[in-house]
Amino acid sequence: MKFAKWLYNLSNTDQYIILGFFVVGLGLSYLAITMLRAWHLNIHGSDKYSHEMRVTPFGLVGLAILFTVILYMSIGETVTGWIVESTS
């Protein structure tokens, strides 16, 4: 199934869950980049020839999409089931 067709066939509940997972993924990606930045600074210290690591939007959103896919594939059905049961 193509991605667009799959996305079109999702229910509103699934779309909200994916959006929530994306927000969580943004937080996790910011945390991961910050930890990598601290690790890089710890390794290189104040070496004047080392470059500074920055949090860029491309890296932040890219990691967030990766975390979102992992979260949705691992616990998406369970969360959807809980929400559908609680609203019924």
PDB file of N, CA and C in Angstrom:
ATOM      1  N   MET A   1       0.841  -1.162   0.000  1.00  0.00           N
ATOM      2  CA  MET A   1       0.000   0.000   0.000  1.00  0.00           C
ATOM      3  C   MET A   1       0.894   1.235   0.000  1.00  0.00           C
ATOM      4  N   LYS A   2       0.529   2.198  -0.776  1.00  0.00           N
ATOM      5  CA  LYS A   2       1.307   3.426  -0.841  1.00  0.00           C
ATOM      6  C   LYS A   2       1.102   4.244   0.431  1.00  0.00           C
ATOM      7  N   PHE A   3       2.098   5.054   0.738  1.00  0.00           N
ATOM      8  CA  PHE A   3       2.073   5.828   1.964  1.00  0.00           C
ATOM      9  C   PHE A   3       0.875   6.779   2.004  1.00  0.00           C
ATOM     10  N   ALA A   4       0.584   7.451   0.895  1.00  0.00           N
ATOM     11  CA  ALA A   4      -0.529   8.403   0.872  1.00  0.00           C
ATOM     12  C   ALA A   4      -1.862   7.703   1.096  1.00  0.00           C
ATOM     13  N   LYS A   5      -2.024   6.526   0.495  1.00  0.00           N
ATOM     14  CA  LYS A   5      -3.272   5.781   0.670  1.00  0.00           C
ATOM     15  C   LYS A   5      -3.400   5.297   2.120  1.00  0.00           C
ATOM     16  N   TRP A   6      -2.293   4.859   2.704  1.00  0.00           N
ATOM     17  CA  TRP A   6      -2.305   4.427   4.094  1.00  0.00           C
ATOM     18  C   TRP A   6      -2.667   5.595   5.006  1.00  0.00           C
ATOM     19  N   LEU A   7      -2.066   6.752   4.759  1.00  0.00           N
ATOM     20  CA  LEU A   7      -2.327   7.923   5.582  1.00  0.00           C
ATOM     21  C   LEU A   7      -3.778   8.386   5.433  1.00  0.00           C
ATOM     22  N   TYR A   8      -4.324   8.299   4.242  1.00  0.00           N
ATOM     23  CA  TYR A   8      -5.712   8.696   3.994  1.00  0.00           C
ATOM     24  C   TYR A   8      -6.691   7.758   4.702  1.00  0.00           C
ATOM     25  N   ASN A   9      -6.347   6.490   4.829  1.00  0.00           N
ATOM     26  CA  ASN A   9      -7.237   5.513   5.439  1.00  0.00           C
ATOM     27  C   ASN A   9      -7.143   5.472   6.963  1.00  0.00           C
ATOM     28  N   LEU A  10      -6.275   6.267   7.551  1.00  0.00           N
ATOM     29  CA  LEU A  10      -6.191   6.315   9.011  1.00  0.00           C
ATOM     30  C   LEU A  10      -7.407   7.036   9.589  1.00  0.00           C
ATOM     31  N   SER A  11      -7.826   6.603  10.757  1.00  0.00           N
ATOM     32  CA  SER A  11      -8.925   7.292  11.431  1.00  0.00           C
ATOM     33  C   SER A  11      -8.392   8.564  12.092  1.00  0.00           C
ATOM     34  N   ASN A  12      -9.311   9.415  12.545  1.00  0.00           N
ATOM     35  CA  ASN A  12      -8.888  10.646  13.220  1.00  0.00           C
ATOM     36  C   ASN A  12      -8.110  10.330  14.488  1.00  0.00           C
ATOM     37  N   THR A  13      -8.520   9.276  15.187  1.00  0.00           N
ATOM     38  CA  THR A  13      -7.827   8.876  16.408  1.00  0.00           C
ATOM     39  C   THR A  13      -6.380   8.522  16.103  1.00  0.00           C
ATOM     40  N   ASP A  14      -6.159   7.754  15.051  1.00  0.00           N
ATOM     41  CA  ASP A  14      -4.790   7.391  14.675  1.00  0.00           C
ATOM     42  C   ASP A  14      -3.961   8.621  14.303  1.00  0.00           C
ATOM     43  N   GLN A  15      -4.576   9.558  13.606  1.00  0.00           N
ATOM     44  CA  GLN A  15      -3.849  10.764  13.220  1.00  0.00           C
ATOM     45  C   GLN A  15      -3.463  11.592  14.441  1.00  0.00           C
ATOM     46  N   TYR A  16      -4.355  11.687  15.428  1.00  0.00           N
ATOM     47  CA  TYR A  16      -4.023  12.417  16.651  1.00  0.00           C
ATOM     48  C   TYR A  16      -2.935  11.696  17.443  1.00  0.00           C
ATOM     49  N   ILE A  17      -2.977  10.379  17.443  1.00  0.00           N
ATOM     50  CA  ILE A  17      -1.945   9.613  18.136  1.00  0.00           C
ATOM     51  C   ILE A  17      -0.588   9.824  17.471  1.00  0.00           C
ATOM     52  N   ILE A  18      -0.550   9.801  16.153  1.00  0.00           N
ATOM     53  CA  ILE A  18       0.701  10.047  15.436  1.00  0.00           C
ATOM     54  C   ILE A  18       1.207  11.462  15.716  1.00  0.00           C
ATOM     55  N   LEU A  19       0.303  12.440  15.765  1.00  0.00           N
ATOM     56  CA  LEU A  19       0.709  13.809  16.087  1.00  0.00           C
ATOM     57  C   LEU A  19       1.278  13.891  17.500  1.00  0.00           C
ATOM     58  N   GLY A  20       0.639  13.204  18.447  1.00  0.00           N
ATOM     59  CA  GLY A  20       1.155  13.167  19.818  1.00  0.00           C
ATOM     60  C   GLY A  20       2.516  12.498  19.892  1.00  0.00           C
ATOM     61  N   PHE A  21       2.667  11.383  19.157  1.00  0.00           N
ATOM     62  CA  PHE A  21       3.964  10.712  19.121  1.00  0.00           C
ATOM     63  C   PHE A  21       5.026  11.610  18.496  1.00  0.00           C
ATOM     64  N   PHE A  22       4.640  12.435  17.517  1.00  0.00           N
ATOM     65  CA  PHE A  22       5.595  13.345  16.894  1.00  0.00           C
ATOM     66  C   PHE A  22       6.069  14.399  17.897  1.00  0.00           C
ATOM     67  N   VAL A  23       5.152  14.899  18.717  1.00  0.00           N
ATOM     68  CA  VAL A  23       5.534  15.877  19.738  1.00  0.00           C
ATOM     69  C   VAL A  23       6.500  15.233  20.739  1.00  0.00           C
ATOM     70  N   VAL A  24       6.189  14.004  21.160  1.00  0.00           N
ATOM     71  CA  VAL A  24       7.092  13.279  22.052  1.00  0.00           C
ATOM     72  C   VAL A  24       8.431  13.033  21.352  1.00  0.00           C
ATOM     73  N   GLY A  25       8.383  12.694  20.059  1.00  0.00           N
ATOM     74  CA  GLY A  25       9.601  12.480  19.285  1.00  0.00           C
ATOM     75  C   GLY A  25      10.458  13.735  19.180  1.00  0.00           C
ATOM     76  N   LEU A  26       9.800  14.900  19.082  1.00  0.00           N
ATOM     77  CA  LEU A  26      10.563  16.154  19.060  1.00  0.00           C
ATOM     78  C   LEU A  26      11.319  16.345  20.370  1.00  0.00           C
ATOM     79  N   GLY A  27      10.658  16.061  21.474  1.00  0.00           N
ATOM     80  CA  GLY A  27      11.337  16.174  22.770  1.00  0.00           C
ATOM     81  C   GLY A  27      12.486  15.195  22.896  1.00  0.00           C
ATOM     82  N   LEU A  28      12.254  13.958  22.460  1.00  0.00           N
ATOM     83  CA  LEU A  28      13.319  12.955  22.528  1.00  0.00           C
ATOM     84  C   LEU A  28      14.485  13.304  21.613  1.00  0.00           C
ATOM     85  N   SER A  29      14.183  13.838  20.430  1.00  0.00           N
ATOM     86  CA  SER A  29      15.273  14.183  19.512  1.00  0.00           C
ATOM     87  C   SER A  29      16.075  15.371  20.043  1.00  0.00           C
ATOM     88  N   TYR A  30      15.408  16.338  20.658  1.00  0.00           N
ATOM     89  CA  TYR A  30      16.138  17.458  21.249  1.00  0.00           C
ATOM     90  C   TYR A  30      17.026  16.967  22.384  1.00  0.00           C
ATOM     91  N   LEU A  31      16.492  16.062  23.192  1.00  0.00           N
ATOM     92  CA  LEU A  31      17.277  15.492  24.281  1.00  0.00           C
ATOM     93  C   LEU A  31      18.474  14.708  23.752  1.00  0.00           C
ATOM     94  N   ALA A  32      18.265  13.924  22.701  1.00  0.00           N
ATOM     95  CA  ALA A  32      19.357  13.134  22.124  1.00  0.00           C
ATOM     96  C   ALA A  32      20.440  14.037  21.536  1.00  0.00           C
ATOM     97  N   ILE A  33      20.035  15.087  20.823  1.00  0.00           N
ATOM     98  CA  ILE A  33      21.020  15.994  20.229  1.00  0.00           C
ATOM     99  C   ILE A  33      21.776  16.747  21.313  1.00  0.00           C
ATOM    100  N   THR A  34      21.077  17.138  22.374  1.00  0.00           N
ATOM    101  CA  THR A  34      21.736  17.832  23.480  1.00  0.00           C
ATOM    102  C   THR A  34      22.735  16.918  24.178  1.00  0.00           C
ATOM    103  N   MET A  35      22.360  15.650  24.356  1.00  0.00           N
ATOM    104  CA  MET A  35      23.286  14.699  24.977  1.00  0.00           C
ATOM    105  C   MET A  35      24.492  14.446  24.076  1.00  0.00           C
ATOM    106  N   LEU A  36      24.293  14.325  22.770  1.00  0.00           N
ATOM    107  CA  LEU A  36      25.416  14.159  21.847  1.00  0.00           C
ATOM    108  C   LEU A  36      26.326  15.387  21.855  1.00  0.00           C
ATOM    109  N   ARG A  37      25.703  16.548  21.978  1.00  0.00           N
ATOM    110  CA  ARG A  37      26.478  17.788  22.034  1.00  0.00           C
ATOM    111  C   ARG A  37      27.339  17.842  23.299  1.00  0.00           C
ATOM    112  N   ALA A  38      26.756  17.435  24.435  1.00  0.00           N
ATOM    113  CA  ALA A  38      27.517  17.411  25.692  1.00  0.00           C
ATOM    114  C   ALA A  38      28.634  16.376  25.626  1.00  0.00           C
ATOM    115  N   TRP A  39      28.356  15.231  25.021  1.00  0.00           N
ATOM    116  CA  TRP A  39      29.384  14.200  24.857  1.00  0.00           C
ATOM    117  C   TRP A  39      30.515  14.706  23.971  1.00  0.00           C
ATOM    118  N   HIS A  40      30.166  15.387  22.887  1.00  0.00           N
ATOM    119  CA  HIS A  40      31.168  15.943  21.973  1.00  0.00           C
ATOM    120  C   HIS A  40      32.026  16.976  22.682  1.00  0.00           C
ATOM    121  N   LEU A  41      31.404  17.828  23.487  1.00  0.00           N
ATOM    122  CA  LEU A  41      32.154  18.838  24.231  1.00  0.00           C
ATOM    123  C   LEU A  41      33.050  18.193  25.281  1.00  0.00           C
ATOM    124  N   ASN A  42      32.583  17.115  25.890  1.00  0.00           N
ATOM    125  CA  ASN A  42      33.375  16.403  26.881  1.00  0.00           C
ATOM    126  C   ASN A  42      34.602  15.747  26.234  1.00  0.00           C
ATOM    127  N   ILE A  43      34.416  15.195  25.047  1.00  0.00           N
ATOM    128  CA  ILE A  43      35.526  14.535  24.345  1.00  0.00           C
ATOM    129  C   ILE A  43      36.562  15.553  23.872  1.00  0.00           C
ATOM    130  N   HIS A  44      36.092  16.620  23.230  1.00  0.00           N
ATOM    131  CA  HIS A  44      37.022  17.570  22.603  1.00  0.00           C
ATOM    132  C   HIS A  44      37.411  18.719  23.520  1.00  0.00           C
ATOM    133  N   GLY A  45      36.651  18.955  24.557  1.00  0.00           N
ATOM    134  CA  GLY A  45      36.990  20.022  25.500  1.00  0.00           C
ATOM    135  C   GLY A  45      37.012  21.377  24.822  1.00  0.00           C
ATOM    136  N   SER A  46      38.032  22.158  25.134  1.00  0.00           N
ATOM    137  CA  SER A  46      38.131  23.500  24.568  1.00  0.00           C
ATOM    138  C   SER A  46      39.158  23.545  23.441  1.00  0.00           C
ATOM    139  N   ASP A  47      39.235  22.491  22.668  1.00  0.00           N
ATOM    140  CA  ASP A  47      40.159  22.449  21.535  1.00  0.00           C
ATOM    141  C   ASP A  47      39.728  23.502  20.518  1.00  0.00           C
ATOM    142  N   LYS A  48      40.638  24.392  20.154  1.00  0.00           N
ATOM    143  CA  LYS A  48      40.256  25.496  19.268  1.00  0.00           C
ATOM    144  C   LYS A  48      39.991  25.035  17.832  1.00  0.00           C
ATOM    145  N   TYR A  49      40.394  23.816  17.471  1.00  0.00           N
ATOM    146  CA  TYR A  49      40.165  23.336  16.112  1.00  0.00           C
ATOM    147  C   TYR A  49      38.915  22.458  15.992  1.00  0.00           C
ATOM    148  N   SER A  50      38.252  22.165  17.092  1.00  0.00           N
ATOM    149  CA  SER A  50      37.031  21.363  17.001  1.00  0.00           C
ATOM    150  C   SER A  50      35.860  22.286  16.666  1.00  0.00           C
ATOM    151  N   HIS A  51      34.932  21.751  15.909  1.00  0.00           N
ATOM    152  CA  HIS A  51      33.774  22.546  15.500  1.00  0.00           C
ATOM    153  C   HIS A  51      32.678  22.450  16.555  1.00  0.00           C
ATOM    154  N   GLU A  52      31.814  23.446  16.558  1.00  0.00           N
ATOM    155  CA  GLU A  52      30.717  23.476  17.515  1.00  0.00           C
ATOM    156  C   GLU A  52      29.515  22.733  16.936  1.00  0.00           C
ATOM    157  N   MET A  53      28.914  21.870  17.734  1.00  0.00           N
ATOM    158  CA  MET A  53      27.707  21.167  17.304  1.00  0.00           C
ATOM    159  C   MET A  53      26.503  22.031  17.644  1.00  0.00           C
ATOM    160  N   ARG A  54      25.599  22.156  16.679  1.00  0.00           N
ATOM    161  CA  ARG A  54      24.394  22.945  16.900  1.00  0.00           C
ATOM    162  C   ARG A  54      23.169  22.074  16.678  1.00  0.00           C
ATOM    163  N   VAL A  55      22.059  22.490  17.260  1.00  0.00           N
ATOM    164  CA  VAL A  55      20.780  21.823  17.036  1.00  0.00           C
ATOM    165  C   VAL A  55      20.141  22.500  15.834  1.00  0.00           C
ATOM    166  N   THR A  56      20.103  21.804  14.709  1.00  0.00           N
ATOM    167  CA  THR A  56      19.512  22.370  13.501  1.00  0.00           C
ATOM    168  C   THR A  56      18.104  21.812  13.316  1.00  0.00           C
ATOM    169  N   PRO A  57      17.229  22.551  12.652  1.00  0.00           N
ATOM    170  CA  PRO A  57      15.863  22.058  12.434  1.00  0.00           C
ATOM    171  C   PRO A  57      15.824  20.753  11.635  1.00  0.00           C
ATOM    172  N   PHE A  58      16.721  20.600  10.666  1.00  0.00           N
ATOM    173  CA  PHE A  58      16.731  19.389   9.854  1.00  0.00           C
ATOM    174  C   PHE A  58      17.041  18.164  10.704  1.00  0.00           C
ATOM    175  N   GLY A  59      18.046  18.271  11.541  1.00  0.00           N
ATOM    176  CA  GLY A  59      18.400  17.162  12.421  1.00  0.00           C
ATOM    177  C   GLY A  59      17.331  16.897  13.463  1.00  0.00           C
ATOM    178  N   LEU A  60      16.752  17.964  13.999  1.00  0.00           N
ATOM    179  CA  LEU A  60      15.721  17.832  15.018  1.00  0.00           C
ATOM    180  C   LEU A  60      14.486  17.127  14.470  1.00  0.00           C
ATOM    181  N   VAL A  61      13.999  17.567  13.323  1.00  0.00           N
ATOM    182  CA  VAL A  61      12.801  16.959  12.725  1.00  0.00           C
ATOM    183  C   VAL A  61      13.109  15.570  12.182  1.00  0.00           C
ATOM    184  N   GLY A  62      14.292  15.376  11.631  1.00  0.00           N
ATOM    185  CA  GLY A  62      14.666  14.057  11.119  1.00  0.00           C
ATOM    186  C   GLY A  62      14.685  13.006  12.211  1.00  0.00           C
ATOM    187  N   LEU A  63      15.303  13.329  13.331  1.00  0.00           N
ATOM    188  CA  LEU A  63      15.305  12.393  14.461  1.00  0.00           C
ATOM    189  C   LEU A  63      13.904  12.226  15.040  1.00  0.00           C
ATOM    190  N   ALA A  64      13.114  13.299  15.048  1.00  0.00           N
ATOM    191  CA  ALA A  64      11.745  13.210  15.564  1.00  0.00           C
ATOM    192  C   ALA A  64      10.905  12.268  14.720  1.00  0.00           C
ATOM    193  N   ILE A  65      11.076  12.305  13.408  1.00  0.00           N
ATOM    194  CA  ILE A  65      10.337  11.382  12.534  1.00  0.00           C
ATOM    195  C   ILE A  65      10.768   9.949  12.800  1.00  0.00           C
ATOM    196  N   LEU A  66      12.057   9.738  12.995  1.00  0.00           N
ATOM    197  CA  LEU A  66      12.547   8.399  13.306  1.00  0.00           C
ATOM    198  C   LEU A  66      11.963   7.892  14.626  1.00  0.00           C
ATOM    199  N   PHE A  67      11.982   8.737  15.656  1.00  0.00           N
ATOM    200  CA  PHE A  67      11.398   8.348  16.937  1.00  0.00           C
ATOM    201  C   PHE A  67       9.891   8.119  16.828  1.00  0.00           C
ATOM    202  N   THR A  68       9.201   8.920  16.017  1.00  0.00           N
ATOM    203  CA  THR A  68       7.759   8.756  15.829  1.00  0.00           C
ATOM    204  C   THR A  68       7.445   7.419  15.187  1.00  0.00           C
ATOM    205  N   VAL A  69       8.198   7.048  14.171  1.00  0.00           N
ATOM    206  CA  VAL A  69       7.980   5.759  13.508  1.00  0.00           C
ATOM    207  C   VAL A  69       8.216   4.609  14.479  1.00  0.00           C
ATOM    208  N   ILE A  70       9.278   4.703  15.255  1.00  0.00           N
ATOM    209  CA  ILE A  70       9.581   3.641  16.222  1.00  0.00           C
ATOM    210  C   ILE A  70       8.474   3.544  17.266  1.00  0.00           C
ATOM    211  N   LEU A  71       8.027   4.686  17.799  1.00  0.00           N
ATOM    212  CA  LEU A  71       6.964   4.670  18.798  1.00  0.00           C
ATOM    213  C   LEU A  71       5.659   4.130  18.230  1.00  0.00           C
ATOM    214  N   TYR A  72       5.283   4.579  17.039  1.00  0.00           N
ATOM    215  CA  TYR A  72       4.003   4.153  16.475  1.00  0.00           C
ATOM    216  C   TYR A  72       4.021   2.671  16.112  1.00  0.00           C
ATOM    217  N   MET A  73       5.138   2.207  15.594  1.00  0.00           N
ATOM    218  CA  MET A  73       5.203   0.788  15.225  1.00  0.00           C
ATOM    219  C   MET A  73       5.259  -0.109  16.459  1.00  0.00           C
ATOM    220  N   SER A  74       5.796   0.388  17.561  1.00  0.00           N
ATOM    221  CA  SER A  74       5.916  -0.463  18.743  1.00  0.00           C
ATOM    222  C   SER A  74       4.682  -0.420  19.635  1.00  0.00           C
ATOM    223  N   ILE A  75       4.116   0.760  19.880  1.00  0.00           N
ATOM    224  CA  ILE A  75       2.986   0.829  20.810  1.00  0.00           C
ATOM    225  C   ILE A  75       1.756   1.528  20.237  1.00  0.00           C
ATOM    226  N   GLY A  76       1.717   1.785  18.949  1.00  0.00           N
ATOM    227  CA  GLY A  76       0.601   2.507  18.346  1.00  0.00           C
ATOM    228  C   GLY A  76      -0.727   1.784  18.450  1.00  0.00           C
ATOM    229  N   GLU A  77      -0.739   0.485  18.171  1.00  0.00           N
ATOM    230  CA  GLU A  77      -1.990  -0.270  18.231  1.00  0.00           C
ATOM    231  C   GLU A  77      -2.522  -0.349  19.653  1.00  0.00           C
ATOM    232  N   THR A  78      -1.643  -0.501  20.610  1.00  0.00           N
ATOM    233  CA  THR A  78      -2.053  -0.584  22.010  1.00  0.00           C
ATOM    234  C   THR A  78      -2.690   0.725  22.465  1.00  0.00           C
ATOM    235  N   VAL A  79      -2.046   1.843  22.152  1.00  0.00           N
ATOM    236  CA  VAL A  79      -2.574   3.146  22.545  1.00  0.00           C
ATOM    237  C   VAL A  79      -3.905   3.415  21.842  1.00  0.00           C
ATOM    238  N   THR A  80      -4.007   3.061  20.576  1.00  0.00           N
ATOM    239  CA  THR A  80      -5.262   3.235  19.851  1.00  0.00           C
ATOM    240  C   THR A  80      -6.371   2.413  20.493  1.00  0.00           C
ATOM    241  N   GLY A  81      -6.073   1.186  20.879  1.00  0.00           N
ATOM    242  CA  GLY A  81      -7.062   0.338  21.544  1.00  0.00           C
ATOM    243  C   GLY A  81      -7.518   0.924  22.860  1.00  0.00           C
ATOM    244  N   TRP A  82      -6.579   1.465  23.642  1.00  0.00           N
ATOM    245  CA  TRP A  82      -6.946   2.087  24.923  1.00  0.00           C
ATOM    246  C   TRP A  82      -7.858   3.275  24.723  1.00  0.00           C
ATOM    247  N   ILE A  83      -7.531   4.110  23.743  1.00  0.00           N
ATOM    248  CA  ILE A  83      -8.335   5.323  23.512  1.00  0.00           C
ATOM    249  C   ILE A  83      -9.717   4.958  22.998  1.00  0.00           C
ATOM    250  N   VAL A  84      -9.798   3.996  22.086  1.00  0.00           N
ATOM    251  CA  VAL A  84     -11.105   3.595  21.553  1.00  0.00           C
ATOM    252  C   VAL A  84     -11.960   2.973  22.654  1.00  0.00           C
ATOM    253  N   GLU A  85     -11.362   2.153  23.525  1.00  0.00           N
ATOM    254  CA  GLU A  85     -12.105   1.557  24.630  1.00  0.00           C
ATOM    255  C   GLU A  85     -12.577   2.595  25.626  1.00  0.00           C
ATOM    256  N   SER A  86     -11.772   3.594  25.914  1.00  0.00           N
ATOM    257  CA  SER A  86     -12.136   4.591  26.907  1.00  0.00           C
ATOM    258  C   SER A  86     -13.202   5.565  26.392  1.00  0.00           C
ATOM    259  N   THR A  87     -13.253   5.782  25.090  1.00  0.00           N
ATOM    260  CA  THR A  87     -14.270   6.690  24.550  1.00  0.00           C
ATOM    261  C   THR A  87     -15.574   5.994  24.245  1.00  0.00           C
ATOM    262  N   SER A  88     -15.576   4.670  24.208  1.00  0.00           N
ATOM    263  CA  SER A  88     -16.818   3.945  23.897  1.00  0.00           C
ATOM    264  C   SER A  88     -17.675   3.732  25.107  1.00  0.00           C
TER     265      SER A  88
END
